[in-house]
Structure formats: structure tokens, C-alpha cells
Amino acid sequence: MRFASLASGSRGNALLVEADDTLVMIDCGLMRTTLEERFKAADRSPSDLAAILVTHEHGDHSHGIARFTRRYKIPVWATPGTANGIEGLGKRSSLNCHRPLTIGALSIEPFPVPHDAREPCHFVFHAGGRCLAVLTDTGHITPTIVERVRGCDALAVEFNHDLKMLAEGPYPPALKTRVASKYGHLNNAQSAELVAGIQHTGLQWVMGLHLSERNNTPQRVREAAASVAEGQAWRLHLASQDAVTEWLEIE
């Protein structure tokens, strides 16, 4: 199993997960033409996709999906709440946050998360005896989240903001409150604490997702991750808004 970020941030999100000949995409928050360019950079084609899984209806995760799926006729999976919040989505398969599903070579476990959306969920992927957890746009860490991601071989997790930068930054007070709330986004310390709590000798990768361009820096994320990484073998890789990451192989 392998994974790569096509884009991650407040201007659009999309992540690829692949096992054998099965390729799925989590979220579709970019324009169709931009996505096509990102697929090419990842040495893949939209026509390779077996499905798109949507975490929630916010525009940076969904606004490209209607045109993209009309062009490529790709099956979409979304919870009823998420689907009802996406204009022009059309036909989709109903996703249950508490019921696993199988798409090709991938076994997928959706799980609910606390975020200010209608019915958000994120995913754990299993294939070939390996496990990848994807967790983004989450206000705080719940026991359910810890239970689902514990034991994973790779974790793609939101490191959205640095609390000090957010407090001193340019956002209006209401937006600062929303981002830092229990239904907003994970800060660097929260994400590092999650990694510390679930890390084990088999953890290979931590990918940092959804870094705020105004309220965070890659260096601050690296410092937060380094504070819990002593003696551990996993490697940190940061996704960005404007570039495709390399493919990270879970060995």
C-alpha cells in the first residue's frame, strides 16, 4: 500500500491511496483541470480511480467533485449529511461512519470525527497486512479516533496551526475561535500528542496535512513532531498546498 497527497491546505485537498491495482482518492477540493495536472505529476490518471471518498462538505474538500465526476464517471462515497451539503453531487453511494466497506484491494473503516460539518468522517485503510489512517479537519482527539488509528503503519494527520501564531495572526476573532475550538482544527501540539500516544515500532510514516499558510510553518510542525519522535523509527513528510508529494510506500 502507498499514498500521496495531491494538495493539502485551505485552498484545496486531495489524497491518493493505492493498493495493487486499486486507486482511491480522499476528497476533491480542486478544480478539475488542476486535479488533472496533479494526477499527471503523480504518474497516475483520473481514469485509474476506483472511487472518491469525501470526508465532509466544506469547499476545500469538495468543491471540484461535481465537475470532476461528471467528466470521469467515478463512484463517490459520502455520508448522507455530507452529500446533502454538496451542490450538484448527483448519484453517490451512502457511507456509514460505523460500517466498513471494501473497494477492490482496500478494506476501509470510516469513523466519525468532531468538526463543524454536517456528518464528517475520516478513514483507516487496510491492504496486504498494512494499515494507513487518514485524519484531517478535526477539532480534538476523541477515544474513538485513538481506538481506530492505534496500530497503524502510517498516519496522515492534520497539523493545522500553531496556537501562538493563530492567536497573534491576522484572522478576525470569530475565525480564531472557530479554528481553535473543539470542532475546528488540530493544532501542532494536539497532533504531536496523538502521534506520541499511538506510535509503536511498526509505525513507518507520519504525513503532516492541512498546514495553515498563515498560522503555521513547516519548521514549527517539524519541531512539534521531533518533540515526540526520540527513539522512534517513523519518518515525517509534510504535504503542501501547491505540490504533489512523492509516493510513500508502506513496507
Foldseek 3Di string as FASTA:
>chain_A
DWKKWLFFAPQAGKIWDDDDQAIEIEFDQDAQVSVQVSCVVQVHGPLSHQEYEYQAQPNRRYVRQQVNCVVNVHAYEYAPQRVVNHPNNPDHHHDDQQDWDDGVQKIKHWHFAQAPGRTGIWIWIDGPRAIEGEEWQHQADDPRNLVVCAPHQEYEYEQAAALVQLVPWDDPPVVSCRCNHRRHTDHLLRVLVSCLVRDDQNHAEYEYGHYYPRGDDPVVNVVSNVVRCVPHRHDYHYGHGNHMDHMDDRD
